[in-house]
Amino acid sequence: MPVPLYQAKAEFFRMLGHPVRIRVLELLQSGPMPVRDLLAEIEVEPSALSQQLAVLRRSGMVCSMREGSAVVYELTGGDVADLLWAARRILTEVLAGQNQLLAELREAEVAAR
Protein backbone atom coordinates (compact mmCIF):
# COMPACT_ATOMS: atom_id res chain seq x y z
CA MET A 1 0.00 0.00 0.00
CA PRO A 2 1.48 3.40 -0.96
CA VAL A 3 2.26 5.95 1.74
CA PRO A 4 -0.28 8.82 1.81
CA LEU A 5 1.17 12.13 0.65
CA TYR A 6 0.60 13.81 4.04
CA GLN A 7 2.60 11.05 5.73
CA ALA A 8 5.43 11.36 3.19
CA LYS A 9 5.49 15.13 3.82
CA ALA A 10 5.61 14.58 7.58
CA GLU A 11 8.57 12.21 7.18
CA PHE A 12 10.28 14.75 4.91
CA PHE A 13 9.92 17.55 7.48
CA ARG A 14 11.01 15.20 10.26
CA MET A 15 14.18 14.51 8.25
CA LEU A 16 14.82 18.28 8.17
CA GLY A 17 14.31 18.51 11.93
CA HIS A 18 17.94 18.61 13.00
CA PRO A 19 20.03 21.79 13.36
CA VAL A 20 23.16 20.27 11.81
CA ARG A 21 21.25 19.10 8.75
CA ILE A 22 19.69 22.54 8.30
CA ARG A 23 23.10 24.21 8.69
CA VAL A 24 24.66 21.87 6.10
CA LEU A 25 21.88 22.68 3.64
CA GLU A 26 22.32 26.42 4.28
CA LEU A 27 26.07 26.21 3.69
CA LEU A 28 25.65 24.20 0.50
CA GLN A 29 23.38 26.89 -0.98
CA SER A 30 26.51 28.79 -1.99
CA GLY A 31 27.87 25.77 -3.85
CA PRO A 32 29.64 22.45 -3.31
CA MET A 33 31.83 22.16 -0.20
CA PRO A 34 34.35 19.60 0.98
CA VAL A 35 33.66 17.90 4.29
CA ARG A 36 36.67 19.64 5.89
CA ASP A 37 35.09 23.05 5.13
CA LEU A 38 31.73 21.91 6.51
CA LEU A 39 33.49 20.79 9.69
CA ALA A 40 35.21 24.18 9.98
CA GLU A 41 31.84 25.95 9.76
CA ILE A 42 29.80 23.58 11.94
CA GLU A 43 31.16 22.90 15.40
CA VAL A 44 30.40 19.20 15.72
CA GLU A 45 32.47 16.05 15.90
CA PRO A 46 33.40 14.56 12.52
CA SER A 47 31.38 11.42 13.31
CA ALA A 48 28.27 13.51 14.07
CA LEU A 49 28.62 15.43 10.80
CA SER A 50 29.15 12.19 8.91
CA GLN A 51 25.96 10.76 10.42
CA GLN A 52 23.92 13.84 9.43
CA LEU A 53 25.40 13.90 5.92
CA ALA A 54 24.38 10.26 5.52
CA VAL A 55 20.77 11.15 6.44
CA LEU A 56 20.77 13.98 3.88
CA ARG A 57 22.28 11.69 1.23
CA ARG A 58 19.71 8.94 1.85
CA SER A 59 16.90 11.48 1.62
CA GLY A 60 18.19 12.73 -1.74
CA MET A 61 18.77 16.30 -0.53
CA VAL A 62 22.53 16.19 -1.15
CA CYS A 63 24.95 14.13 -3.17
CA SER A 64 28.66 13.57 -2.72
CA MET A 65 31.62 13.15 -5.02
CA ARG A 66 35.28 12.52 -4.49
CA GLU A 67 37.78 15.13 -5.62
CA GLY A 68 41.22 13.71 -4.99
CA SER A 69 41.31 12.80 -1.31
CA ALA A 70 38.41 15.11 -0.41
CA VAL A 71 34.72 14.26 -0.33
CA VAL A 72 32.63 17.17 -1.62
CA TYR A 73 28.91 17.61 -1.00
CA GLU A 74 26.38 19.61 -2.97
CA LEU A 75 22.63 20.16 -3.05
CA THR A 76 20.80 17.92 -5.48
CA GLY A 77 18.60 20.74 -6.77
CA GLY A 78 17.53 24.35 -6.47
CA ASP A 79 14.28 23.42 -4.78
CA VAL A 80 16.19 22.78 -1.54
CA ALA A 81 17.49 26.35 -1.54
CA ASP A 82 13.97 27.60 -2.34
CA LEU A 83 12.61 25.65 0.64
CA LEU A 84 15.19 27.19 2.98
CA TRP A 85 14.35 30.70 1.71
CA ALA A 86 10.65 30.01 2.21
CA ALA A 87 11.36 28.87 5.78
CA ARG A 88 13.33 32.06 6.41
CA ARG A 89 10.46 34.22 5.08
CA ILE A 90 7.91 32.36 7.22
CA LEU A 91 10.07 32.70 10.34
CA THR A 92 10.57 36.41 9.65
CA GLU A 93 6.80 36.91 9.46
CA VAL A 94 6.17 34.85 12.60
CA LEU A 95 8.84 36.68 14.58
CA ALA A 96 7.60 40.06 13.35
CA GLY A 97 4.13 39.12 14.59
CA GLN A 98 5.55 38.05 17.94
CA ASN A 99 7.50 41.31 18.25
CA GLN A 100 4.30 43.26 17.54
CA LEU A 101 2.45 41.27 20.21
CA LEU A 102 5.29 41.81 22.68
CA ALA A 103 5.23 45.57 22.02
CA GLU A 104 1.46 45.65 22.59
CA LEU A 105 1.82 43.71 25.84
CA ARG A 106 4.51 46.11 27.07
CA GLU A 107 2.34 49.11 26.18
CA ALA A 108 -0.59 47.58 28.09
CA GLU A 109 1.66 46.91 31.09
CA VAL A 110 2.87 50.53 31.16
CA ALA A 111 -0.69 51.83 30.80
CA ALA A 112 -1.89 49.63 33.69
CA ARG A 113 0.62 51.16 36.13
C-alpha atoms as a PDB file:
ATOM      1  CA  MET A   1       0.000   0.000   0.000  1.00  0.00           C
ATOM      2  CA  PRO A   2       1.482   3.399  -0.963  1.00  0.00           C
ATOM      3  CA  VAL A   3       2.256   5.952   1.736  1.00  0.00           C
ATOM      4  CA  PRO A   4      -0.279   8.821   1.807  1.00  0.00           C
ATOM      5  CA  LEU A   5       1.169  12.133   0.648  1.00  0.00           C
ATOM      6  CA  TYR A   6       0.595  13.807   4.037  1.00  0.00           C
ATOM      7  CA  GLN A   7       2.603  11.048   5.726  1.00  0.00           C
ATOM      8  CA  ALA A   8       5.429  11.359   3.194  1.00  0.00           C
ATOM      9  CA  LYS A   9       5.489  15.131   3.817  1.00  0.00           C
ATOM     10  CA  ALA A  10       5.610  14.581   7.580  1.00  0.00           C
ATOM     11  CA  GLU A  11       8.574  12.213   7.178  1.00  0.00           C
ATOM     12  CA  PHE A  12      10.281  14.748   4.912  1.00  0.00           C
ATOM     13  CA  PHE A  13       9.922  17.550   7.477  1.00  0.00           C
ATOM     14  CA  ARG A  14      11.008  15.198  10.262  1.00  0.00           C
ATOM     15  CA  MET A  15      14.184  14.509   8.255  1.00  0.00           C
ATOM     16  CA  LEU A  16      14.816  18.277   8.170  1.00  0.00           C
ATOM     17  CA  GLY A  17      14.306  18.512  11.925  1.00  0.00           C
ATOM     18  CA  HIS A  18      17.938  18.608  13.000  1.00  0.00           C
ATOM     19  CA  PRO A  19      20.032  21.788  13.359  1.00  0.00           C
ATOM     20  CA  VAL A  20      23.165  20.267  11.811  1.00  0.00           C
ATOM     21  CA  ARG A  21      21.253  19.097   8.748  1.00  0.00           C
ATOM     22  CA  ILE A  22      19.692  22.543   8.299  1.00  0.00           C
ATOM     23  CA  ARG A  23      23.098  24.211   8.689  1.00  0.00           C
ATOM     24  CA  VAL A  24      24.657  21.874   6.102  1.00  0.00           C
ATOM     25  CA  LEU A  25      21.879  22.683   3.641  1.00  0.00           C
ATOM     26  CA  GLU A  26      22.320  26.416   4.280  1.00  0.00           C
ATOM     27  CA  LEU A  27      26.067  26.214   3.687  1.00  0.00           C
ATOM     28  CA  LEU A  28      25.651  24.200   0.496  1.00  0.00           C
ATOM     29  CA  GLN A  29      23.376  26.889  -0.982  1.00  0.00           C
ATOM     30  CA  SER A  30      26.507  28.787  -1.993  1.00  0.00           C
ATOM     31  CA  GLY A  31      27.866  25.768  -3.852  1.00  0.00           C
ATOM     32  CA  PRO A  32      29.641  22.449  -3.306  1.00  0.00           C
ATOM     33  CA  MET A  33      31.828  22.164  -0.202  1.00  0.00           C
ATOM     34  CA  PRO A  34      34.355  19.598   0.977  1.00  0.00           C
ATOM     35  CA  VAL A  35      33.662  17.904   4.291  1.00  0.00           C
ATOM     36  CA  ARG A  36      36.673  19.642   5.888  1.00  0.00           C
ATOM     37  CA  ASP A  37      35.089  23.051   5.134  1.00  0.00           C
ATOM     38  CA  LEU A  38      31.730  21.914   6.506  1.00  0.00           C
ATOM     39  CA  LEU A  39      33.491  20.786   9.686  1.00  0.00           C
ATOM     40  CA  ALA A  40      35.208  24.176   9.978  1.00  0.00           C
ATOM     41  CA  GLU A  41      31.836  25.945   9.762  1.00  0.00           C
ATOM     42  CA  ILE A  42      29.799  23.581  11.945  1.00  0.00           C
ATOM     43  CA  GLU A  43      31.163  22.900  15.402  1.00  0.00           C
ATOM     44  CA  VAL A  44      30.401  19.197  15.715  1.00  0.00           C
ATOM     45  CA  GLU A  45      32.468  16.051  15.899  1.00  0.00           C
ATOM     46  CA  PRO A  46      33.395  14.556  12.516  1.00  0.00           C
ATOM     47  CA  SER A  47      31.378  11.417  13.314  1.00  0.00           C
ATOM     48  CA  ALA A  48      28.265  13.514  14.075  1.00  0.00           C
ATOM     49  CA  LEU A  49      28.620  15.429  10.800  1.00  0.00           C
ATOM     50  CA  SER A  50      29.148  12.189   8.911  1.00  0.00           C
ATOM     51  CA  GLN A  51      25.962  10.762  10.416  1.00  0.00           C
ATOM     52  CA  GLN A  52      23.919  13.838   9.434  1.00  0.00           C
ATOM     53  CA  LEU A  53      25.398  13.904   5.924  1.00  0.00           C
ATOM     54  CA  ALA A  54      24.375  10.256   5.520  1.00  0.00           C
ATOM     55  CA  VAL A  55      20.771  11.150   6.439  1.00  0.00           C
ATOM     56  CA  LEU A  56      20.766  13.978   3.885  1.00  0.00           C
ATOM     57  CA  ARG A  57      22.277  11.694   1.233  1.00  0.00           C
ATOM     58  CA  ARG A  58      19.714   8.937   1.846  1.00  0.00           C
ATOM     59  CA  SER A  59      16.901  11.481   1.616  1.00  0.00           C
ATOM     60  CA  GLY A  60      18.189  12.725  -1.741  1.00  0.00           C
ATOM     61  CA  MET A  61      18.773  16.297  -0.530  1.00  0.00           C
ATOM     62  CA  VAL A  62      22.535  16.186  -1.152  1.00  0.00           C
ATOM     63  CA  CYS A  63      24.950  14.129  -3.167  1.00  0.00           C
ATOM     64  CA  SER A  64      28.658  13.572  -2.718  1.00  0.00           C
ATOM     65  CA  MET A  65      31.622  13.150  -5.017  1.00  0.00           C
ATOM     66  CA  ARG A  66      35.278  12.518  -4.492  1.00  0.00           C
ATOM     67  CA  GLU A  67      37.779  15.133  -5.619  1.00  0.00           C
ATOM     68  CA  GLY A  68      41.216  13.709  -4.991  1.00  0.00           C
ATOM     69  CA  SER A  69      41.307  12.796  -1.315  1.00  0.00           C
ATOM     70  CA  ALA A  70      38.410  15.109  -0.412  1.00  0.00           C
ATOM     71  CA  VAL A  71      34.717  14.261  -0.334  1.00  0.00           C
ATOM     72  CA  VAL A  72      32.628  17.173  -1.624  1.00  0.00           C
ATOM     73  CA  TYR A  73      28.908  17.606  -0.998  1.00  0.00           C
ATOM     74  CA  GLU A  74      26.382  19.607  -2.966  1.00  0.00           C
ATOM     75  CA  LEU A  75      22.627  20.164  -3.049  1.00  0.00           C
ATOM     76  CA  THR A  76      20.795  17.924  -5.481  1.00  0.00           C
ATOM     77  CA  GLY A  77      18.601  20.739  -6.771  1.00  0.00           C
ATOM     78  CA  GLY A  78      17.532  24.353  -6.471  1.00  0.00           C
ATOM     79  CA  ASP A  79      14.281  23.424  -4.778  1.00  0.00           C
ATOM     80  CA  VAL A  80      16.188  22.780  -1.543  1.00  0.00           C
ATOM     81  CA  ALA A  81      17.488  26.353  -1.543  1.00  0.00           C
ATOM     82  CA  ASP A  82      13.972  27.602  -2.341  1.00  0.00           C
ATOM     83  CA  LEU A  83      12.611  25.648   0.637  1.00  0.00           C
ATOM     84  CA  LEU A  84      15.194  27.190   2.977  1.00  0.00           C
ATOM     85  CA  TRP A  85      14.354  30.702   1.707  1.00  0.00           C
ATOM     86  CA  ALA A  86      10.652  30.008   2.213  1.00  0.00           C
ATOM     87  CA  ALA A  87      11.358  28.873   5.780  1.00  0.00           C
ATOM     88  CA  ARG A  88      13.329  32.064   6.411  1.00  0.00           C
ATOM     89  CA  ARG A  89      10.458  34.219   5.083  1.00  0.00           C
ATOM     90  CA  ILE A  90       7.907  32.364   7.219  1.00  0.00           C
ATOM     91  CA  LEU A  91      10.071  32.701  10.344  1.00  0.00           C
ATOM     92  CA  THR A  92      10.567  36.408   9.645  1.00  0.00           C
ATOM     93  CA  GLU A  93       6.796  36.910   9.461  1.00  0.00           C
ATOM     94  CA  VAL A  94       6.172  34.850  12.601  1.00  0.00           C
ATOM     95  CA  LEU A  95       8.843  36.680  14.580  1.00  0.00           C
ATOM     96  CA  ALA A  96       7.602  40.056  13.354  1.00  0.00           C
ATOM     97  CA  GLY A  97       4.127  39.121  14.595  1.00  0.00           C
ATOM     98  CA  GLN A  98       5.552  38.050  17.941  1.00  0.00           C
ATOM     99  CA  ASN A  99       7.497  41.309  18.247  1.00  0.00           C
ATOM    100  CA  GLN A 100       4.299  43.260  17.540  1.00  0.00           C
ATOM    101  CA  LEU A 101       2.445  41.275  20.205  1.00  0.00           C
ATOM    102  CA  LEU A 102       5.291  41.814  22.677  1.00  0.00           C
ATOM    103  CA  ALA A 103       5.229  45.568  22.020  1.00  0.00           C
ATOM    104  CA  GLU A 104       1.464  45.651  22.592  1.00  0.00           C
ATOM    105  CA  LEU A 105       1.822  43.709  25.843  1.00  0.00           C
ATOM    106  CA  ARG A 106       4.511  46.111  27.071  1.00  0.00           C
ATOM    107  CA  GLU A 107       2.342  49.110  26.184  1.00  0.00           C
ATOM    108  CA  ALA A 108      -0.589  47.584  28.088  1.00  0.00           C
ATOM    109  CA  GLU A 109       1.657  46.914  31.088  1.00  0.00           C
ATOM    110  CA  VAL A 110       2.869  50.530  31.158  1.00  0.00           C
ATOM    111  CA  ALA A 111      -0.688  51.827  30.796  1.00  0.00           C
ATOM    112  CA  ALA A 112      -1.887  49.629  33.691  1.00  0.00           C
ATOM    113  CA  ARG A 113       0.624  51.159  36.126  1.00  0.00           C
END
